[in-house]
Structure formats: structure tokens, C-alpha cells
Amino acid sequence: MAKSNEEVFTAGKIAEALSVPPAQVKKAIDALKIQPAMKKGACSYYSADSLKKIKSSLKK
């Protein structure tokens, strides 16, 4: 679980930050088998560490 002071991002916010389509981020999350840092309702939130992993996988 994410710490309360840790910044978390939705897949959509990660896509915005990386300037890529949300579908590309979702495919990367599935391919890397990244688990959300926390869930709230139907929304999954990912840590900054996950964002780095996704960013590096999209550069390949």
C-alpha cells in the first residue's frame, strides 16, 4: 500500500505526464505486471516508482 504522503498516479495521469496514449500505458502496466499502490473504487493508483518503470519500458 502507498504511504499517505506518497504521490500516486492514475494510468491516465501517467499517460499525460509521458505524452503517450492511455492505452499504451495500460499495455505497459499489463506487460510489466505492475500492481497498483492503492485502489479507490474502480480506480487504480500507481507509485512514482511504477511511473519510472513504465517510462523506461516505453522508450524501448
PDB file of N, CA and C in Angstrom:
ATOM      1  N   MET A   1       0.822  -1.199   0.000  1.00  0.00           N
ATOM      2  CA  MET A   1       0.000   0.000   0.000  1.00  0.00           C
ATOM      3  C   MET A   1       0.859   1.254   0.000  1.00  0.00           C
ATOM      4  N   ALA A   2       0.357   2.271  -0.626  1.00  0.00           N
ATOM      5  CA  ALA A   2       1.071   3.549  -0.676  1.00  0.00           C
ATOM      6  C   ALA A   2       0.983   4.244   0.667  1.00  0.00           C
ATOM      7  N   LYS A   3       2.059   4.911   1.003  1.00  0.00           N
ATOM      8  CA  LYS A   3       2.041   5.721   2.226  1.00  0.00           C
ATOM      9  C   LYS A   3       1.157   6.926   1.971  1.00  0.00           C
ATOM     10  N   SER A   4       0.597   7.483   3.016  1.00  0.00           N
ATOM     11  CA  SER A   4      -0.346   8.590   2.847  1.00  0.00           C
ATOM     12  C   SER A   4       0.303   9.833   2.246  1.00  0.00           C
ATOM     13  N   ASN A   5       1.630  10.013   2.411  1.00  0.00           N
ATOM     14  CA  ASN A   5       2.284  11.187   1.850  1.00  0.00           C
ATOM     15  C   ASN A   5       2.962  10.919   0.510  1.00  0.00           C
ATOM     16  N   GLU A   6       2.873   9.686   0.029  1.00  0.00           N
ATOM     17  CA  GLU A   6       3.473   9.316  -1.241  1.00  0.00           C
ATOM     18  C   GLU A   6       2.558   9.735  -2.392  1.00  0.00           C
ATOM     19  N   GLU A   7       3.156  10.308  -3.430  1.00  0.00           N
ATOM     20  CA  GLU A   7       2.357  10.729  -4.581  1.00  0.00           C
ATOM     21  C   GLU A   7       2.015   9.511  -5.433  1.00  0.00           C
ATOM     22  N   VAL A   8       0.765   9.417  -5.840  1.00  0.00           N
ATOM     23  CA  VAL A   8       0.306   8.313  -6.670  1.00  0.00           C
ATOM     24  C   VAL A   8      -0.382   8.872  -7.913  1.00  0.00           C
ATOM     25  N   PHE A   9      -0.399   8.065  -8.972  1.00  0.00           N
ATOM     26  CA  PHE A   9      -0.911   8.497 -10.270  1.00  0.00           C
ATOM     27  C   PHE A   9      -1.849   7.451 -10.851  1.00  0.00           C
ATOM     28  N   THR A  10      -2.870   7.915 -11.548  1.00  0.00           N
ATOM     29  CA  THR A  10      -3.723   7.005 -12.313  1.00  0.00           C
ATOM     30  C   THR A  10      -3.016   6.723 -13.639  1.00  0.00           C
ATOM     31  N   ALA A  11      -3.474   5.711 -14.352  1.00  0.00           N
ATOM     32  CA  ALA A  11      -2.887   5.409 -15.659  1.00  0.00           C
ATOM     33  C   ALA A  11      -3.058   6.600 -16.598  1.00  0.00           C
ATOM     34  N   GLY A  12      -4.175   7.293 -16.501  1.00  0.00           N
ATOM     35  CA  GLY A  12      -4.416   8.470 -17.337  1.00  0.00           C
ATOM     36  C   GLY A  12      -3.438   9.590 -17.045  1.00  0.00           C
ATOM     37  N   LYS A  13      -3.136   9.818 -15.772  1.00  0.00           N
ATOM     38  CA  LYS A  13      -2.176  10.864 -15.396  1.00  0.00           C
ATOM     39  C   LYS A  13      -0.761  10.485 -15.829  1.00  0.00           C
ATOM     40  N   ILE A  14      -0.435   9.200 -15.772  1.00  0.00           N
ATOM     41  CA  ILE A  14       0.874   8.743 -16.243  1.00  0.00           C
ATOM     42  C   ILE A  14       0.980   8.988 -17.741  1.00  0.00           C
ATOM     43  N   ALA A  15      -0.084   8.685 -18.482  1.00  0.00           N
ATOM     44  CA  ALA A  15      -0.096   8.912 -19.931  1.00  0.00           C
ATOM     45  C   ALA A  15       0.086  10.393 -20.246  1.00  0.00           C
ATOM     46  N   GLU A  16      -0.584  11.248 -19.486  1.00  0.00           N
ATOM     47  CA  GLU A  16      -0.438  12.696 -19.662  1.00  0.00           C
ATOM     48  C   GLU A  16       0.997  13.131 -19.419  1.00  0.00           C
ATOM     49  N   ALA A  17       1.580  12.646 -18.341  1.00  0.00           N
ATOM     50  CA  ALA A  17       2.944  13.029 -17.977  1.00  0.00           C
ATOM     51  C   ALA A  17       3.966  12.577 -19.018  1.00  0.00           C
ATOM     52  N   LEU A  18       3.713  11.429 -19.638  1.00  0.00           N
ATOM     53  CA  LEU A  18       4.649  10.882 -20.619  1.00  0.00           C
ATOM     54  C   LEU A  18       4.283  11.240 -22.056  1.00  0.00           C
ATOM     55  N   SER A  19       3.179  11.941 -22.239  1.00  0.00           N
ATOM     56  CA  SER A  19       2.686  12.340 -23.573  1.00  0.00           C
ATOM     57  C   SER A  19       2.504  11.143 -24.497  1.00  0.00           C
ATOM     58  N   VAL A  20       1.845  10.122 -23.982  1.00  0.00           N
ATOM     59  CA  VAL A  20       1.529   8.938 -24.777  1.00  0.00           C
ATOM     60  C   VAL A  20       0.053   8.617 -24.575  1.00  0.00           C
ATOM     61  N   PRO A  21      -0.532   7.816 -25.470  1.00  0.00           N
ATOM     62  CA  PRO A  21      -1.941   7.436 -25.308  1.00  0.00           C
ATOM     63  C   PRO A  21      -2.141   6.555 -24.064  1.00  0.00           C
ATOM     64  N   PRO A  22      -3.269   6.723 -23.376  1.00  0.00           N
ATOM     65  CA  PRO A  22      -3.556   5.899 -22.190  1.00  0.00           C
ATOM     66  C   PRO A  22      -3.506   4.394 -22.464  1.00  0.00           C
ATOM     67  N   ALA A  23      -3.917   3.978 -23.647  1.00  0.00           N
ATOM     68  CA  ALA A  23      -3.896   2.545 -23.980  1.00  0.00           C
ATOM     69  C   ALA A  23      -2.471   2.000 -23.962  1.00  0.00           C
ATOM     70  N   GLN A  24      -1.521   2.811 -24.364  1.00  0.00           N
ATOM     71  CA  GLN A  24      -0.113   2.391 -24.372  1.00  0.00           C
ATOM     72  C   GLN A  24       0.385   2.192 -22.932  1.00  0.00           C
ATOM     73  N   VAL A  25      -0.038   3.064 -22.032  1.00  0.00           N
ATOM     74  CA  VAL A  25       0.338   2.942 -20.625  1.00  0.00           C
ATOM     75  C   VAL A  25      -0.303   1.693 -20.032  1.00  0.00           C
ATOM     76  N   LYS A  26      -1.559   1.448 -20.328  1.00  0.00           N
ATOM     77  CA  LYS A  26      -2.243   0.265 -19.796  1.00  0.00           C
ATOM     78  C   LYS A  26      -1.594  -1.023 -20.292  1.00  0.00           C
ATOM     79  N   LYS A  27      -1.152  -1.041 -21.558  1.00  0.00           N
ATOM     80  CA  LYS A  27      -0.458  -2.216 -22.098  1.00  0.00           C
ATOM     81  C   LYS A  27       0.866  -2.421 -21.369  1.00  0.00           C
ATOM     82  N   ALA A  28       1.577  -1.342 -21.086  1.00  0.00           N
ATOM     83  CA  ALA A  28       2.851  -1.437 -20.366  1.00  0.00           C
ATOM     84  C   ALA A  28       2.627  -1.951 -18.951  1.00  0.00           C
ATOM     85  N   ILE A  29       1.591  -1.480 -18.292  1.00  0.00           N
ATOM     86  CA  ILE A  29       1.268  -1.946 -16.936  1.00  0.00           C
ATOM     87  C   ILE A  29       0.992  -3.444 -16.949  1.00  0.00           C
ATOM     88  N   ASP A  30       0.233  -3.903 -17.926  1.00  0.00           N
ATOM     89  CA  ASP A  30      -0.069  -5.338 -18.042  1.00  0.00           C
ATOM     90  C   ASP A  30       1.185  -6.137 -18.361  1.00  0.00           C
ATOM     91  N   ALA A  31       1.998  -5.649 -19.301  1.00  0.00           N
ATOM     92  CA  ALA A  31       3.204  -6.361 -19.712  1.00  0.00           C
ATOM     93  C   ALA A  31       4.213  -6.469 -18.572  1.00  0.00           C
ATOM     94  N   LEU A  32       4.327  -5.403 -17.773  1.00  0.00           N
ATOM     95  CA  LEU A  32       5.275  -5.396 -16.660  1.00  0.00           C
ATOM     96  C   LEU A  32       4.685  -6.004 -15.391  1.00  0.00           C
ATOM     97  N   LYS A  33       3.408  -6.341 -15.447  1.00  0.00           N
ATOM     98  CA  LYS A  33       2.687  -6.926 -14.301  1.00  0.00           C
ATOM     99  C   LYS A  33       2.816  -6.046 -13.057  1.00  0.00           C
ATOM    100  N   ILE A  34       2.625  -4.747 -13.260  1.00  0.00           N
ATOM    101  CA  ILE A  34       2.702  -3.781 -12.163  1.00  0.00           C
ATOM    102  C   ILE A  34       1.384  -3.792 -11.392  1.00  0.00           C
ATOM    103  N   GLN A  35       1.499  -3.920 -10.093  1.00  0.00           N
ATOM    104  CA  GLN A  35       0.334  -3.891  -9.224  1.00  0.00           C
ATOM    105  C   GLN A  35       0.119  -2.468  -8.729  1.00  0.00           C
ATOM    106  N   PRO A  36      -1.117  -2.021  -8.597  1.00  0.00           N
ATOM    107  CA  PRO A  36      -1.364  -0.666  -8.091  1.00  0.00           C
ATOM    108  C   PRO A  36      -0.890  -0.504  -6.655  1.00  0.00           C
ATOM    109  N   ALA A  37      -0.418   0.701  -6.343  1.00  0.00           N
ATOM    110  CA  ALA A  37      -0.006   1.013  -4.973  1.00  0.00           C
ATOM    111  C   ALA A  37      -1.229   1.079  -4.078  1.00  0.00           C
ATOM    112  N   MET A  38      -2.359   1.507  -4.656  1.00  0.00           N
ATOM    113  CA  MET A  38      -3.616   1.537  -3.915  1.00  0.00           C
ATOM    114  C   MET A  38      -4.779   1.575  -4.887  1.00  0.00           C
ATOM    115  N   LYS A  39      -5.940   1.208  -4.399  1.00  0.00           N
ATOM    116  CA  LYS A  39      -7.160   1.257  -5.203  1.00  0.00           C
ATOM    117  C   LYS A  39      -8.201   2.035  -4.418  1.00  0.00           C
ATOM    118  N   LYS A  40      -8.972   2.809  -5.154  1.00  0.00           N
ATOM    119  CA  LYS A  40     -10.090   3.529  -4.549  1.00  0.00           C
ATOM    120  C   LYS A  40     -11.261   3.351  -5.504  1.00  0.00           C
ATOM    121  N   GLY A  41     -12.204   2.551  -5.110  1.00  0.00           N
ATOM    122  CA  GLY A  41     -13.299   2.217  -6.011  1.00  0.00           C
ATOM    123  C   GLY A  41     -12.758   1.436  -7.192  1.00  0.00           C
ATOM    124  N   ALA A  42     -13.089   1.880  -8.383  1.00  0.00           N
ATOM    125  CA  ALA A  42     -12.620   1.214  -9.590  1.00  0.00           C
ATOM    126  C   ALA A  42     -11.281   1.760 -10.079  1.00  0.00           C
ATOM    127  N   CYS A  43     -10.778   2.810  -9.454  1.00  0.00           N
ATOM    128  CA  CYS A  43      -9.537   3.459  -9.896  1.00  0.00           C
ATOM    129  C   CYS A  43      -8.318   2.831  -9.234  1.00  0.00           C
ATOM    130  N   SER A  44      -7.296   2.596 -10.048  1.00  0.00           N
ATOM    131  CA  SER A  44      -6.021   2.107  -9.542  1.00  0.00           C
ATOM    132  C   SER A  44      -5.033   3.254  -9.559  1.00  0.00           C
ATOM    133  N   TYR A  45      -4.233   3.329  -8.524  1.00  0.00           N
ATOM    134  CA  TYR A  45      -3.231   4.384  -8.393  1.00  0.00           C
ATOM    135  C   TYR A  45      -1.860   3.743  -8.306  1.00  0.00           C
ATOM    136  N   TYR A  46      -0.916   4.288  -9.078  1.00  0.00           N
ATOM    137  CA  TYR A  46       0.419   3.724  -9.175  1.00  0.00           C
ATOM    138  C   TYR A  46       1.445   4.685  -8.580  1.00  0.00           C
ATOM    139  N   SER A  47       2.507   4.131  -8.015  1.00  0.00           N
ATOM    140  CA  SER A  47       3.543   4.927  -7.353  1.00  0.00           C
ATOM    141  C   SER A  47       4.475   5.580  -8.376  1.00  0.00           C
ATOM    142  N   ALA A  48       5.304   6.481  -7.879  1.00  0.00           N
ATOM    143  CA  ALA A  48       6.294   7.150  -8.731  1.00  0.00           C
ATOM    144  C   ALA A  48       7.290   6.130  -9.266  1.00  0.00           C
ATOM    145  N   ASP A  49       7.581   5.086  -8.484  1.00  0.00           N
ATOM    146  CA  ASP A  49       8.480   4.026  -8.942  1.00  0.00           C
ATOM    147  C   ASP A  49       7.877   3.307 -10.144  1.00  0.00           C
ATOM    148  N   SER A  50       6.580   3.074 -10.117  1.00  0.00           N
ATOM    149  CA  SER A  50       5.892   2.445 -11.248  1.00  0.00           C
ATOM    150  C   SER A  50       5.956   3.333 -12.476  1.00  0.00           C
ATOM    151  N   LEU A  51       5.812   4.633 -12.267  1.00  0.00           N
ATOM    152  CA  LEU A  51       5.895   5.579 -13.384  1.00  0.00           C
ATOM    153  C   LEU A  51       7.254   5.470 -14.060  1.00  0.00           C
ATOM    154  N   LYS A  52       8.327   5.353 -13.285  1.00  0.00           N
ATOM    155  CA  LYS A  52       9.679   5.224 -13.841  1.00  0.00           C
ATOM    156  C   LYS A  52       9.812   3.943 -14.657  1.00  0.00           C
ATOM    157  N   LYS A  53       9.262   2.836 -14.144  1.00  0.00           N
ATOM    158  CA  LYS A  53       9.314   1.559 -14.859  1.00  0.00           C
ATOM    159  C   LYS A  53       8.561   1.644 -16.174  1.00  0.00           C
ATOM    160  N   ILE A  54       7.389   2.267 -16.151  1.00  0.00           N
ATOM    161  CA  ILE A  54       6.581   2.412 -17.363  1.00  0.00           C
ATOM    162  C   ILE A  54       7.301   3.285 -18.368  1.00  0.00           C
ATOM    163  N   LYS A  55       7.871   4.389 -17.906  1.00  0.00           N
ATOM    164  CA  LYS A  55       8.594   5.316 -18.779  1.00  0.00           C
ATOM    165  C   LYS A  55       9.750   4.608 -19.466  1.00  0.00           C
ATOM    166  N   SER A  56      10.523   3.829 -18.718  1.00  0.00           N
ATOM    167  CA  SER A  56      11.661   3.151 -19.324  1.00  0.00           C
ATOM    168  C   SER A  56      11.222   2.060 -20.296  1.00  0.00           C
ATOM    169  N   SER A  57      10.107   1.400 -20.026  1.00  0.00           N
ATOM    170  CA  SER A  57       9.640   0.367 -20.956  1.00  0.00           C
ATOM    171  C   SER A  57       9.096   0.963 -22.253  1.00  0.00           C
ATOM    172  N   LEU A  58       8.560   2.161 -22.200  1.00  0.00           N
ATOM    173  CA  LEU A  58       8.024   2.793 -23.400  1.00  0.00           C
ATOM    174  C   LEU A  58       9.114   3.361 -24.307  1.00  0.00           C
ATOM    175  N   LYS A  59      10.306   3.586 -23.762  1.00  0.00           N
ATOM    176  CA  LYS A  59      11.408   4.116 -24.563  1.00  0.00           C
ATOM    177  C   LYS A  59      12.012   3.059 -25.475  1.00  0.00           C
ATOM    178  N   LYS A  60      11.800   1.779 -25.152  1.00  0.00           N
ATOM    179  CA  LYS A  60      12.397   0.685 -25.917  1.00  0.00           C
ATOM    180  C   LYS A  60      11.775   0.545 -27.279  1.00  0.00           C
TER     181      LYS A  60
END
